[in-house]
Amino acid sequence: MDVIDLRNFYSQRLGIVARRLINRGIQARWPDAQGQRVLGLGYPTPYLGLFREDSERCIAFMPAAQGVLKWPTARPTLATLVDEFSLPLPDAAVDRILLVHALEMSDDPAGLLREVWRVLAPSGRLMAVVPNRRGVWTRTDNTPFGHGRPYSRSQITQLLRQTWFTPASWGEALFMPPVAGGWFLRSAMAWERVGAALSLPFAGVHIVEATKQVYRAIPAHRERTRLIPALEPVLVPSSSVQSISACRPGVCRDDM
């Protein structure tokens, strides 16, 4: 989706409520980022406000195919347009990375996560907000969560493990239906409490936290042993010795 569409959604009442509910799930796992270097990738600006004040550094990277908007609006810019497969950062440069509207929108999510692995510090943390395949929000296209590729929990786990991450904790958000009616918006928090208490599988998004695998097991292939027989040298008689051995005393074969 274009950044204009994303900005318009989060400026509406439904988008404001969705941001509040997702922020609640993010803050439950990352209550603060004191002294941390925080990177948001995708369209993370509605959620980076949680960490902008107390973090050491807080920046937003937006993919080139999506576009970029100035953020924050009244302060020096902390957002930039990037190639998602070649981030302009050295190895192990950030402590925490937040992915929002990134994995489901990417043409190569595995390549994106490998680049995220490169710039994440060895003790860093990754948090991804991913649309739930079984959720109601993915079945309508009037929200950004209805675009791109949604994931089930097992699919996210497999993707993270293939790209050298280990899932550490899980959460869900957006149990309310994506309806902009006044009653649904007023009862959004009640939907969240009931859905979380009953562990309902129809949440709108997964919120997964993962750690970086620094040391990966490399399979060792044992070489096949080739048995070579030990050869001993053998003396081969010369031609003169063979001719002498062919003659008897006093008689040669030529005389016969």
Protein backbone atom coordinates (compact mmCIF):
# COMPACT_ATOMS: atom_id res chain seq x y z
CA MET A 1 0.00 0.00 0.00
CA ASP A 2 1.00 3.58 -0.51
CA VAL A 3 2.00 5.68 2.50
CA ILE A 4 -0.87 8.06 1.75
CA ASP A 5 -3.40 5.24 2.21
CA LEU A 6 -1.69 4.14 5.42
CA ARG A 7 -1.66 7.68 6.80
CA ASN A 8 -5.33 8.15 5.94
CA PHE A 9 -6.30 4.94 7.72
CA TYR A 10 -4.51 5.88 10.93
CA SER A 11 -6.12 9.31 10.89
CA GLN A 12 -9.62 7.80 10.94
CA ARG A 13 -11.47 6.66 14.07
CA LEU A 14 -11.01 2.96 13.26
CA GLY A 15 -7.29 3.46 12.68
CA ILE A 16 -6.90 5.39 15.93
CA VAL A 17 -8.53 2.57 17.88
CA ALA A 18 -6.45 -0.06 16.06
CA ARG A 19 -3.26 1.82 16.87
CA ARG A 20 -4.23 2.06 20.53
CA LEU A 21 -4.93 -1.67 20.78
CA ILE A 22 -1.73 -2.70 18.99
CA ASN A 23 0.31 -0.25 21.07
CA ARG A 24 -1.11 -1.98 24.12
CA GLY A 25 0.25 -5.32 22.92
CA ILE A 26 3.65 -3.85 22.02
CA GLN A 27 4.03 -2.06 25.32
CA ALA A 28 3.20 -5.25 27.25
CA ARG A 29 6.40 -6.81 25.89
CA TRP A 30 8.56 -3.71 25.54
CA PRO A 31 7.50 -1.41 28.40
CA ASP A 32 10.40 0.94 27.70
CA ALA A 33 13.50 1.32 25.58
CA GLN A 34 15.77 3.21 27.94
CA GLY A 35 19.14 3.72 26.27
CA GLN A 36 18.26 1.41 23.36
CA ARG A 37 18.67 2.00 19.64
CA VAL A 38 15.26 1.40 18.07
CA LEU A 39 14.53 0.89 14.38
CA GLY A 40 11.06 0.70 12.83
CA LEU A 41 10.69 -0.87 9.40
CA GLY A 42 7.65 -0.76 7.11
CA TYR A 43 5.15 1.84 8.29
CA PRO A 44 5.98 1.92 12.02
CA THR A 45 5.53 5.61 12.79
CA PRO A 46 2.12 5.23 14.53
CA TYR A 47 3.87 2.97 17.07
CA LEU A 48 7.35 4.43 17.45
CA GLY A 49 6.04 7.17 19.69
CA LEU A 50 6.26 4.64 22.55
CA PHE A 51 10.07 4.71 22.35
CA ARG A 52 11.01 8.08 20.86
CA GLU A 53 11.44 9.92 24.15
CA ASP A 54 13.45 7.47 26.26
CA SER A 55 15.47 5.60 23.63
CA GLU A 56 19.01 6.54 22.69
CA ARG A 57 18.02 6.70 19.03
CA CYS A 58 14.73 6.05 17.24
CA ILE A 59 14.48 6.00 13.44
CA ALA A 60 11.99 4.78 10.84
CA PHE A 61 12.85 3.07 7.54
CA MET A 62 10.15 2.87 4.87
CA PRO A 63 10.52 0.67 1.75
CA ALA A 64 10.97 2.38 -1.58
CA ALA A 65 7.93 0.66 -3.11
CA GLN A 66 5.73 2.13 -0.38
CA GLY A 67 7.04 5.68 -0.13
CA VAL A 68 8.01 7.81 2.83
CA LEU A 69 6.41 10.56 4.90
CA LYS A 70 8.09 13.05 7.19
CA TRP A 71 8.15 11.87 10.79
CA PRO A 72 7.81 13.43 13.28
CA THR A 73 5.97 16.31 11.70
CA ALA A 74 7.09 19.11 14.05
CA ARG A 75 10.66 17.92 14.75
CA PRO A 76 13.78 17.05 12.76
CA THR A 77 13.10 14.16 10.41
CA LEU A 78 13.77 10.64 11.71
CA ALA A 79 12.31 8.74 8.72
CA THR A 80 13.94 7.84 5.42
CA LEU A 81 13.30 5.88 2.23
CA VAL A 82 15.38 2.70 1.93
CA ASP A 83 15.89 -0.48 -0.04
CA GLU A 84 14.48 -3.08 2.36
CA PHE A 85 17.06 -5.66 1.24
CA SER A 86 20.04 -3.32 1.69
CA LEU A 87 19.54 -1.22 4.80
CA PRO A 88 22.00 1.70 5.18
CA LEU A 89 23.33 0.45 8.53
CA PRO A 90 26.43 -1.48 9.58
CA ASP A 91 26.23 -4.93 11.10
CA ALA A 92 24.75 -5.21 14.63
CA ALA A 93 23.81 -1.51 14.65
CA VAL A 94 20.46 -1.52 16.50
CA ASP A 95 19.09 -3.12 19.67
CA ARG A 96 15.41 -3.41 18.81
CA ILE A 97 13.56 -3.64 15.51
CA LEU A 98 9.83 -3.21 15.07
CA LEU A 99 8.23 -4.53 11.87
CA VAL A 100 4.78 -3.15 11.02
CA HIS A 101 3.19 -3.46 7.56
CA ALA A 102 6.46 -5.00 6.41
CA LEU A 103 6.41 -8.81 6.19
CA GLU A 104 2.97 -9.10 4.61
CA MET A 105 3.81 -6.38 2.05
CA SER A 106 7.26 -7.66 1.06
CA ASP A 107 7.87 -9.65 -2.12
CA ASP A 108 10.66 -11.55 -0.34
CA PRO A 109 9.96 -11.76 3.41
CA ALA A 110 12.83 -14.20 3.97
CA GLY A 111 15.30 -11.81 2.35
CA LEU A 112 13.91 -8.96 4.43
CA LEU A 113 14.38 -10.89 7.68
CA ARG A 114 17.93 -11.87 6.77
CA GLU A 115 18.77 -8.20 6.32
CA VAL A 116 17.08 -7.46 9.65
CA TRP A 117 19.22 -10.22 11.21
CA ARG A 118 22.35 -8.51 9.89
CA VAL A 119 21.68 -5.08 11.42
CA LEU A 120 20.33 -6.43 14.74
CA ALA A 121 22.72 -6.65 17.68
CA PRO A 122 23.53 -10.14 19.05
CA SER A 123 21.46 -9.43 22.18
CA GLY A 124 18.79 -7.54 20.23
CA ARG A 125 15.08 -8.16 19.97
CA LEU A 126 12.74 -8.25 17.00
CA MET A 127 8.99 -7.61 17.22
CA ALA A 128 6.70 -8.12 14.23
CA VAL A 129 3.05 -7.15 13.89
CA VAL A 130 1.65 -9.53 11.25
CA PRO A 131 -1.95 -9.99 10.03
CA ASN A 132 -3.55 -13.20 11.25
CA ARG A 133 -4.70 -15.53 8.46
CA ARG A 134 -7.71 -16.61 10.50
CA GLY A 135 -8.70 -13.11 11.56
CA VAL A 136 -11.63 -11.04 10.34
CA TRP A 137 -9.44 -8.02 9.54
CA THR A 138 -7.71 -9.87 6.69
CA ARG A 139 -11.05 -10.52 4.96
CA THR A 140 -11.83 -6.87 4.28
CA ASP A 141 -9.78 -4.46 2.21
CA ASN A 142 -10.85 -1.26 3.98
CA THR A 143 -7.88 -1.55 6.37
CA PRO A 144 -4.14 -2.09 5.67
CA PHE A 145 -4.33 -5.49 7.40
CA GLY A 146 -6.49 -6.77 4.55
CA HIS A 147 -3.70 -6.25 2.01
CA GLY A 148 -0.65 -8.38 1.39
CA ARG A 149 -0.09 -11.91 2.64
CA PRO A 150 -1.45 -12.89 6.08
CA TYR A 151 0.24 -15.55 8.20
CA SER A 152 -0.75 -18.23 10.64
CA ARG A 153 1.30 -18.76 13.79
CA SER A 154 3.00 -21.86 12.38
CA GLN A 155 3.92 -20.01 9.17
CA ILE A 156 5.49 -17.15 11.12
CA THR A 157 7.42 -19.62 13.28
CA GLN A 158 8.77 -21.44 10.24
CA LEU A 159 9.74 -18.18 8.53
CA LEU A 160 11.57 -16.89 11.61
CA ARG A 161 13.49 -20.12 12.12
CA GLN A 162 14.51 -20.23 8.47
CA THR A 163 15.98 -16.74 8.84
CA TRP A 164 17.88 -17.44 12.10
CA PHE A 165 15.41 -16.09 14.66
CA THR A 166 13.82 -17.83 17.64
CA PRO A 167 10.25 -16.84 18.65
CA ALA A 168 10.27 -15.81 22.32
CA SER A 169 6.71 -14.64 23.08
CA TRP A 170 3.36 -14.29 21.35
CA GLY A 171 0.40 -11.98 21.61
CA GLU A 172 -2.68 -10.99 19.64
CA ALA A 173 -4.63 -7.80 19.10
CA LEU A 174 -7.68 -6.51 17.23
CA PHE A 175 -10.30 -9.00 18.40
CA MET A 176 -13.03 -6.49 17.55
CA PRO A 177 -14.46 -6.59 14.01
CA PRO A 178 -13.19 -3.90 11.61
CA VAL A 179 -16.36 -1.84 11.81
CA ALA A 180 -16.19 1.92 12.23
CA GLY A 181 -19.53 2.10 14.04
CA GLY A 182 -19.69 3.98 17.29
CA TRP A 183 -20.78 1.02 19.44
CA PHE A 184 -17.98 -1.24 18.18
CA LEU A 185 -15.35 1.43 18.75
CA ARG A 186 -16.59 2.18 22.25
CA SER A 187 -16.55 -1.52 23.16
CA ALA A 188 -13.13 -2.22 21.61
CA MET A 189 -11.38 -2.73 24.95
CA ALA A 190 -14.06 -5.19 26.07
CA TRP A 191 -13.51 -7.19 22.88
CA GLU A 192 -9.79 -7.28 23.61
CA ARG A 193 -10.21 -8.48 27.18
CA VAL A 194 -12.68 -11.21 26.26
CA GLY A 195 -10.65 -12.38 23.26
CA ALA A 196 -7.41 -12.54 25.25
CA ALA A 197 -9.06 -14.28 28.21
CA LEU A 198 -10.64 -16.97 26.02
CA SER A 199 -7.59 -17.26 23.71
CA LEU A 200 -9.80 -16.83 20.67
CA PRO A 201 -8.02 -17.62 17.38
CA PHE A 202 -9.68 -14.84 15.39
CA ALA A 203 -7.54 -11.85 16.36
CA GLY A 204 -6.67 -9.39 13.63
CA VAL A 205 -2.90 -9.47 14.10
CA HIS A 206 -0.16 -11.54 15.68
CA ILE A 207 2.42 -9.75 17.80
CA VAL A 208 5.50 -11.95 17.95
CA GLU A 209 8.78 -11.20 19.69
CA ALA A 210 11.90 -13.04 18.55
CA THR A 211 15.57 -13.24 19.45
CA LYS A 212 18.53 -13.44 17.13
CA GLN A 213 20.34 -16.74 16.75
CA VAL A 214 23.99 -15.78 16.90
CA TYR A 215 25.45 -19.27 16.63
CA ARG A 216 23.85 -21.53 14.08
CA ALA A 217 24.48 -25.24 13.79
CA ILE A 218 26.21 -26.14 10.55
CA PRO A 219 25.76 -29.78 9.49
CA ALA A 220 29.06 -31.61 9.15
CA HIS A 221 29.30 -34.01 6.21
CA ARG A 222 31.64 -36.89 6.92
CA GLU A 223 33.76 -37.85 3.96
CA ARG A 224 33.62 -41.42 2.79
CA THR A 225 36.78 -43.36 3.50
CA ARG A 226 38.37 -44.95 0.45
CA LEU A 227 40.29 -48.15 1.16
CA ILE A 228 43.50 -48.33 -0.88
CA PRO A 229 45.38 -51.64 -0.68
CA ALA A 230 49.02 -51.46 0.36
CA LEU A 231 51.25 -52.63 -2.51
CA GLU A 232 54.67 -54.15 -1.94
CA PRO A 233 57.39 -53.77 -4.59
CA VAL A 234 58.06 -56.90 -6.72
CA LEU A 235 61.31 -57.50 -8.57
CA VAL A 236 60.72 -58.15 -12.26
CA PRO A 237 63.43 -60.30 -13.93
CA SER A 238 65.23 -58.75 -16.84
CA SER A 239 65.24 -60.26 -20.37
CA SER A 240 68.77 -61.73 -19.98
CA VAL A 241 67.78 -63.57 -16.83
CA GLN A 242 64.70 -65.00 -18.58
CA SER A 243 66.82 -66.32 -21.48
CA ILE A 244 69.30 -68.00 -19.13
CA SER A 245 66.52 -69.66 -17.12
CA ALA A 246 65.07 -71.09 -20.34
CA CYS A 247 68.28 -73.14 -21.07
CA ARG A 248 69.34 -76.37 -19.43
CA PRO A 249 72.96 -77.08 -18.75
CA GLY A 250 74.54 -77.79 -22.10
CA VAL A 251 71.33 -77.57 -24.06
CA CYS A 252 69.39 -74.45 -25.10
CA ARG A 253 65.99 -74.27 -26.61
CA ASP A 254 67.41 -72.84 -29.79
CA ASP A 255 69.25 -76.18 -30.31
CA MET A 256 66.17 -78.31 -29.81
